[in-house]
């Protein structure tokens, strides 16, 4: 519960993402991650952070014209702003998940 409280304090919110409806999906802005509980009461990443496209996880690919995020037939250019947002999201997530539980 303490990890969830820290995630909320960091601005992450739950979201339902197909096909991960039974997992804990969290998002902030355009970025999302899928988490699962671990034995010590913490959470672990089961689908790495990525950009949301139409409410679905995208995949980052290299194309001849540059990097893009793709979901099905939709592509979004991996702009410097989006890459920075994703990097900040990952850093926040890592900071929260690596914090020791407060007793």
C-alpha atoms as a PDB file:
ATOM      1  CA  UNK A   1       0.000   0.000   0.000  1.00  0.00           C
ATOM      2  CA  UNK A   2       2.913   2.336   0.765  1.00  0.00           C
ATOM      3  CA  UNK A   3       4.305   1.863  -2.741  1.00  0.00           C
ATOM      4  CA  UNK A   4       0.906   2.763  -4.226  1.00  0.00           C
ATOM      5  CA  UNK A   5       0.783   5.859  -2.046  1.00  0.00           C
ATOM      6  CA  UNK A   6       4.225   6.898  -3.336  1.00  0.00           C
ATOM      7  CA  UNK A   7       3.107   6.291  -6.935  1.00  0.00           C
ATOM      8  CA  UNK A   8       0.051   8.489  -6.356  1.00  0.00           C
ATOM      9  CA  UNK A   9       2.224  11.147  -4.705  1.00  0.00           C
ATOM     10  CA  UNK A  10       4.435  11.097  -7.831  1.00  0.00           C
ATOM     11  CA  UNK A  11       1.389  11.859  -9.998  1.00  0.00           C
ATOM     12  CA  UNK A  12       0.733   8.361 -11.368  1.00  0.00           C
ATOM     13  CA  UNK A  13      -2.876   7.213 -11.683  1.00  0.00           C
ATOM     14  CA  UNK A  14      -4.454   3.818 -12.407  1.00  0.00           C
ATOM     15  CA  UNK A  15      -5.734   3.085 -15.890  1.00  0.00           C
ATOM     16  CA  UNK A  16      -7.279   0.054 -17.609  1.00  0.00           C
ATOM     17  CA  UNK A  17      -5.212  -0.992 -20.618  1.00  0.00           C
ATOM     18  CA  UNK A  18      -6.225  -3.913 -22.841  1.00  0.00           C
ATOM     19  CA  UNK A  19      -5.148  -6.730 -22.512  1.00  0.00           C
ATOM     20  CA  UNK A  20      -3.831  -5.944 -19.000  1.00  0.00           C
ATOM     21  CA  UNK A  21      -7.163  -5.311 -17.261  1.00  0.00           C
ATOM     22  CA  UNK A  22      -6.340  -7.753 -14.452  1.00  0.00           C
ATOM     23  CA  UNK A  23      -2.940  -6.130 -13.743  1.00  0.00           C
ATOM     24  CA  UNK A  24      -2.134  -2.819 -12.100  1.00  0.00           C
ATOM     25  CA  UNK A  25      -1.579  -0.307 -14.886  1.00  0.00           C
ATOM     26  CA  UNK A  26      -0.444   3.185 -13.944  1.00  0.00           C
ATOM     27  CA  UNK A  27      -0.029   6.259 -16.118  1.00  0.00           C
ATOM     28  CA  UNK A  28       1.091   9.854 -15.991  1.00  0.00           C
ATOM     29  CA  UNK A  29       0.557  12.017 -19.024  1.00  0.00           C
ATOM     30  CA  UNK A  30       1.112   9.947 -22.165  1.00  0.00           C
ATOM     31  CA  UNK A  31       3.237   7.296 -20.431  1.00  0.00           C
ATOM     32  CA  UNK A  32       2.124   4.058 -18.772  1.00  0.00           C
ATOM     33  CA  UNK A  33       3.504   0.927 -17.107  1.00  0.00           C
ATOM     34  CA  UNK A  34       2.105  -2.463 -16.035  1.00  0.00           C
ATOM     35  CA  UNK A  35       2.944  -3.564 -12.487  1.00  0.00           C
ATOM     36  CA  UNK A  36       2.439  -6.726 -10.446  1.00  0.00           C
ATOM     37  CA  UNK A  37       2.802  -7.383  -6.712  1.00  0.00           C
ATOM     38  CA  UNK A  38       5.872  -9.101  -5.284  1.00  0.00           C
ATOM     39  CA  UNK A  39       6.154 -11.175  -2.114  1.00  0.00           C
ATOM     40  CA  UNK A  40       7.705  -8.446   0.043  1.00  0.00           C
ATOM     41  CA  UNK A  41       4.703  -6.194  -0.488  1.00  0.00           C
ATOM     42  CA  UNK A  42       6.254  -4.142  -3.271  1.00  0.00           C
ATOM     43  CA  UNK A  43       5.579  -3.958  -6.980  1.00  0.00           C
ATOM     44  CA  UNK A  44       7.561  -5.038 -10.029  1.00  0.00           C
ATOM     45  CA  UNK A  45       7.380  -3.965 -13.661  1.00  0.00           C
ATOM     46  CA  UNK A  46       5.883  -6.622 -15.951  1.00  0.00           C
ATOM     47  CA  UNK A  47       5.523  -4.459 -19.069  1.00  0.00           C
ATOM     48  CA  UNK A  48       8.127  -1.696 -19.379  1.00  0.00           C
ATOM     49  CA  UNK A  49       7.079   1.944 -19.524  1.00  0.00           C
ATOM     50  CA  UNK A  50       5.907   3.079 -22.919  1.00  0.00           C
ATOM     51  CA  UNK A  51       3.822   5.699 -24.643  1.00  0.00           C
ATOM     52  CA  UNK A  52       0.051   5.319 -24.809  1.00  0.00           C
ATOM     53  CA  UNK A  53      -1.545   5.510 -28.238  1.00  0.00           C
ATOM     54  CA  UNK A  54      -5.355   5.467 -28.243  1.00  0.00           C
ATOM     55  CA  UNK A  55      -5.240   3.996 -24.719  1.00  0.00           C
ATOM     56  CA  UNK A  56      -2.929   1.107 -25.690  1.00  0.00           C
ATOM     57  CA  UNK A  57       0.750   0.406 -25.107  1.00  0.00           C
ATOM     58  CA  UNK A  58       2.922   1.291 -28.041  1.00  0.00           C
ATOM     59  CA  UNK A  59       6.194  -0.212 -29.193  1.00  0.00           C
ATOM     60  CA  UNK A  60       9.207   1.968 -29.937  1.00  0.00           C
ATOM     61  CA  UNK A  61      10.751   1.206 -33.329  1.00  0.00           C
ATOM     62  CA  UNK A  62      13.538   2.588 -35.474  1.00  0.00           C
ATOM     63  CA  UNK A  63      12.426   3.613 -38.960  1.00  0.00           C
ATOM     64  CA  UNK A  64      14.520   5.071 -41.787  1.00  0.00           C
ATOM     65  CA  UNK A  65      13.021   8.499 -40.982  1.00  0.00           C
ATOM     66  CA  UNK A  66      13.678   8.209 -37.256  1.00  0.00           C
ATOM     67  CA  UNK A  67      12.224   6.516 -34.189  1.00  0.00           C
ATOM     68  CA  UNK A  68       8.479   6.115 -33.763  1.00  0.00           C
ATOM     69  CA  UNK A  69       6.009   4.700 -31.265  1.00  0.00           C
ATOM     70  CA  UNK A  70       3.622   2.239 -32.932  1.00  0.00           C
ATOM     71  CA  UNK A  71       0.322   0.651 -31.996  1.00  0.00           C
ATOM     72  CA  UNK A  72      -1.325  -1.362 -34.769  1.00  0.00           C
ATOM     73  CA  UNK A  73      -1.336   0.920 -37.829  1.00  0.00           C
ATOM     74  CA  UNK A  74      -0.870   4.159 -35.901  1.00  0.00           C
ATOM     75  CA  UNK A  75       2.579   5.734 -35.578  1.00  0.00           C
ATOM     76  CA  UNK A  76       3.659   8.683 -33.450  1.00  0.00           C
ATOM     77  CA  UNK A  77       7.048  10.294 -34.010  1.00  0.00           C
ATOM     78  CA  UNK A  78       9.407   9.864 -31.061  1.00  0.00           C
ATOM     79  CA  UNK A  79       9.964  13.577 -30.584  1.00  0.00           C
ATOM     80  CA  UNK A  80      12.462  14.955 -28.101  1.00  0.00           C
ATOM     81  CA  UNK A  81       9.558  16.030 -25.858  1.00  0.00           C
ATOM     82  CA  UNK A  82       7.969  12.554 -25.834  1.00  0.00           C
ATOM     83  CA  UNK A  83      11.303  10.855 -25.209  1.00  0.00           C
ATOM     84  CA  UNK A  84      12.003  13.242 -22.322  1.00  0.00           C
ATOM     85  CA  UNK A  85       8.528  12.596 -20.874  1.00  0.00           C
ATOM     86  CA  UNK A  86       9.122   8.833 -21.080  1.00  0.00           C
ATOM     87  CA  UNK A  87      12.585   9.174 -19.536  1.00  0.00           C
ATOM     88  CA  UNK A  88      11.216  11.249 -16.638  1.00  0.00           C
ATOM     89  CA  UNK A  89       8.401   8.722 -16.150  1.00  0.00           C
ATOM     90  CA  UNK A  90      10.928   5.854 -15.976  1.00  0.00           C
ATOM     91  CA  UNK A  91      13.101   7.758 -13.510  1.00  0.00           C
ATOM     92  CA  UNK A  92      10.128   8.527 -11.255  1.00  0.00           C
ATOM     93  CA  UNK A  93       8.975   4.924 -11.426  1.00  0.00           C
ATOM     94  CA  UNK A  94      12.448   3.595 -10.598  1.00  0.00           C
ATOM     95  CA  UNK A  95      12.820   6.033  -7.713  1.00  0.00           C
ATOM     96  CA  UNK A  96       9.467   4.999  -6.229  1.00  0.00           C
ATOM     97  CA  UNK A  97       9.915   1.256  -6.673  1.00  0.00           C
ATOM     98  CA  UNK A  98      13.452   1.266  -5.257  1.00  0.00           C
ATOM     99  CA  UNK A  99      12.535   3.150  -2.085  1.00  0.00           C
ATOM    100  CA  UNK A 100      12.569   0.949   1.004  1.00  0.00           C
ATOM    101  CA  UNK A 101       9.175   0.370   2.601  1.00  0.00           C
ATOM    102  CA  UNK A 102       8.588   2.599   5.617  1.00  0.00           C
ATOM    103  CA  UNK A 103       7.745   0.553   8.710  1.00  0.00           C
END
